[in-house]
N, C-alpha and C. Protein backbone atom coordinates (compact mmCIF):
# COMPACT_ATOMS: atom_id res chain seq x y z
N MET A 1 100.86 114.52 109.12
CA MET A 1 101.06 114.31 110.54
C MET A 1 101.01 112.80 110.83
N PRO A 2 101.97 112.29 111.59
CA PRO A 2 102.00 110.84 111.84
C PRO A 2 100.83 110.39 112.72
N THR A 3 100.42 109.18 112.47
CA THR A 3 99.33 108.62 113.26
C THR A 3 99.87 108.15 114.61
N GLN A 4 98.95 107.84 115.50
CA GLN A 4 99.35 107.36 116.83
C GLN A 4 100.12 106.05 116.72
N ARG A 5 99.71 105.20 115.78
CA ARG A 5 100.38 103.91 115.60
C ARG A 5 101.84 104.11 115.16
N ALA A 6 102.05 105.06 114.26
CA ALA A 6 103.41 105.35 113.80
C ALA A 6 104.25 105.92 114.94
N ARG A 7 103.65 106.78 115.75
CA ARG A 7 104.39 107.32 116.90
C ARG A 7 104.75 106.22 117.89
N ASP A 8 103.79 105.33 118.15
CA ASP A 8 104.07 104.22 119.07
C ASP A 8 105.21 103.35 118.56
N ARG A 9 105.21 103.09 117.27
CA ARG A 9 106.27 102.28 116.67
C ARG A 9 107.61 102.99 116.78
N ALA A 10 107.62 104.30 116.53
CA ALA A 10 108.86 105.07 116.64
C ALA A 10 109.39 105.07 118.06
N VAL A 11 108.50 105.19 119.04
CA VAL A 11 108.92 105.17 120.44
C VAL A 11 109.48 103.80 120.79
N ARG A 12 108.85 102.73 120.31
CA ARG A 12 109.36 101.38 120.58
C ARG A 12 110.74 101.18 119.98
N VAL A 13 110.95 101.64 118.76
CA VAL A 13 112.26 101.50 118.13
C VAL A 13 113.30 102.31 118.88
N PHE A 14 112.96 103.53 119.26
CA PHE A 14 113.87 104.39 120.02
C PHE A 14 114.25 103.74 121.34
N ASN A 15 113.27 103.24 122.07
CA ASN A 15 113.55 102.60 123.35
C ASN A 15 114.38 101.33 123.19
N ALA A 16 114.09 100.55 122.16
CA ALA A 16 114.86 99.33 121.92
C ALA A 16 116.32 99.67 121.61
N TYR A 17 116.53 100.73 120.83
CA TYR A 17 117.90 101.11 120.51
C TYR A 17 118.65 101.54 121.76
N TRP A 18 118.05 102.38 122.59
CA TRP A 18 118.74 102.85 123.79
C TRP A 18 118.97 101.72 124.78
N PHE A 19 118.06 100.75 124.84
CA PHE A 19 118.28 99.58 125.68
C PHE A 19 119.49 98.79 125.17
N ALA A 20 119.57 98.61 123.86
CA ALA A 20 120.71 97.89 123.28
C ALA A 20 122.01 98.66 123.50
N LEU A 21 121.95 99.99 123.41
CA LEU A 21 123.14 100.80 123.64
C LEU A 21 123.62 100.66 125.09
N CYS A 22 122.70 100.69 126.02
CA CYS A 22 123.08 100.51 127.44
C CYS A 22 123.65 99.12 127.69
N ARG A 23 123.06 98.12 127.06
CA ARG A 23 123.59 96.75 127.20
C ARG A 23 125.00 96.65 126.63
N ALA A 24 125.24 97.28 125.48
CA ALA A 24 126.58 97.26 124.89
C ALA A 24 127.57 97.97 125.79
N TRP A 25 127.14 99.04 126.42
CA TRP A 25 128.02 99.78 127.33
C TRP A 25 128.39 98.91 128.52
N VAL A 26 127.42 98.23 129.09
CA VAL A 26 127.69 97.36 130.24
C VAL A 26 128.59 96.20 129.83
N ARG A 27 128.34 95.64 128.66
CA ARG A 27 129.09 94.45 128.24
C ARG A 27 130.49 94.79 127.73
N PHE A 28 130.62 95.85 126.94
CA PHE A 28 131.89 96.14 126.28
C PHE A 28 132.57 97.41 126.77
N GLY A 29 131.94 98.13 127.67
CA GLY A 29 132.56 99.33 128.22
C GLY A 29 132.47 100.50 127.25
N ARG A 30 133.50 101.33 127.29
CA ARG A 30 133.49 102.54 126.45
C ARG A 30 133.47 102.22 124.97
N ALA A 31 134.11 101.13 124.57
CA ALA A 31 134.13 100.78 123.14
C ALA A 31 132.71 100.50 122.64
N GLY A 32 131.94 99.77 123.42
CA GLY A 32 130.56 99.48 123.03
C GLY A 32 129.72 100.73 122.95
N LEU A 33 129.91 101.63 123.91
CA LEU A 33 129.17 102.89 123.90
C LEU A 33 129.57 103.74 122.70
N ALA A 34 130.85 103.80 122.41
CA ALA A 34 131.33 104.60 121.28
C ALA A 34 130.78 104.07 119.96
N VAL A 35 130.84 102.77 119.76
CA VAL A 35 130.33 102.18 118.52
C VAL A 35 128.83 102.42 118.42
N GLY A 36 128.12 102.25 119.52
CA GLY A 36 126.68 102.47 119.50
C GLY A 36 126.32 103.90 119.16
N LEU A 37 127.04 104.85 119.70
CA LEU A 37 126.76 106.26 119.40
C LEU A 37 127.10 106.61 117.96
N VAL A 38 128.17 106.03 117.43
CA VAL A 38 128.52 106.27 116.02
C VAL A 38 127.43 105.72 115.11
N VAL A 39 126.93 104.53 115.42
CA VAL A 39 125.85 103.96 114.62
C VAL A 39 124.60 104.83 114.73
N TYR A 40 124.32 105.32 115.92
CA TYR A 40 123.15 106.18 116.14
C TYR A 40 123.23 107.44 115.28
N VAL A 41 124.36 108.10 115.29
CA VAL A 41 124.54 109.32 114.50
C VAL A 41 124.46 109.01 113.01
N ALA A 42 125.05 107.90 112.59
CA ALA A 42 125.00 107.53 111.18
C ALA A 42 123.56 107.28 110.73
N VAL A 43 122.79 106.60 111.56
CA VAL A 43 121.38 106.34 111.20
C VAL A 43 120.60 107.64 111.16
N LEU A 44 120.84 108.53 112.12
CA LEU A 44 120.15 109.83 112.09
C LEU A 44 120.47 110.60 110.82
N LEU A 45 121.74 110.61 110.43
CA LEU A 45 122.12 111.31 109.20
C LEU A 45 121.48 110.67 107.98
N LEU A 46 121.47 109.35 107.93
CA LEU A 46 120.88 108.65 106.81
C LEU A 46 119.38 108.94 106.71
N VAL A 47 118.69 108.84 107.83
CA VAL A 47 117.25 109.13 107.83
C VAL A 47 117.00 110.58 107.46
N GLY A 48 117.82 111.48 107.96
CA GLY A 48 117.66 112.89 107.62
C GLY A 48 117.85 113.15 106.14
N LEU A 49 118.82 112.48 105.54
CA LEU A 49 119.04 112.66 104.10
C LEU A 49 117.90 112.06 103.29
N VAL A 50 117.43 110.90 103.70
CA VAL A 50 116.36 110.25 102.95
C VAL A 50 115.04 110.99 103.12
N MET A 51 114.71 111.36 104.34
CA MET A 51 113.41 111.97 104.60
C MET A 51 113.38 113.47 104.29
N GLY A 52 114.41 114.19 104.70
CA GLY A 52 114.36 115.63 104.56
C GLY A 52 115.15 116.18 103.40
N GLY A 53 116.18 115.48 102.98
CA GLY A 53 117.05 116.02 101.96
C GLY A 53 116.70 115.61 100.56
N ALA A 54 115.72 114.74 100.40
CA ALA A 54 115.41 114.24 99.08
C ALA A 54 114.74 115.29 98.20
N ASP A 55 114.06 116.24 98.81
CA ASP A 55 113.31 117.20 98.00
C ASP A 55 114.06 118.50 97.75
N ARG A 56 115.29 118.59 98.21
CA ARG A 56 116.07 119.81 97.95
C ARG A 56 117.49 119.42 97.56
N PRO A 57 118.11 120.21 96.71
CA PRO A 57 119.45 119.86 96.24
C PRO A 57 120.51 120.01 97.33
N TRP A 58 121.61 119.34 97.12
CA TRP A 58 122.74 119.43 98.04
C TRP A 58 123.31 120.85 97.97
N PRO A 59 123.63 121.46 99.10
CA PRO A 59 124.11 122.86 99.07
C PRO A 59 125.43 123.03 98.33
């Protein structure tokens, strides 16, 4: 189970990312939002593979 410090760090990273995504949307419009969302999904997939998929084989 994660500690409170790890949760706080995760919340800070999450908030910083969404702030950057909103800034990109304001600055670059739909293109900035699209690129930001693609990066977000790619990072989620990468973290999911590293954290959850490492202990089980690929289907």
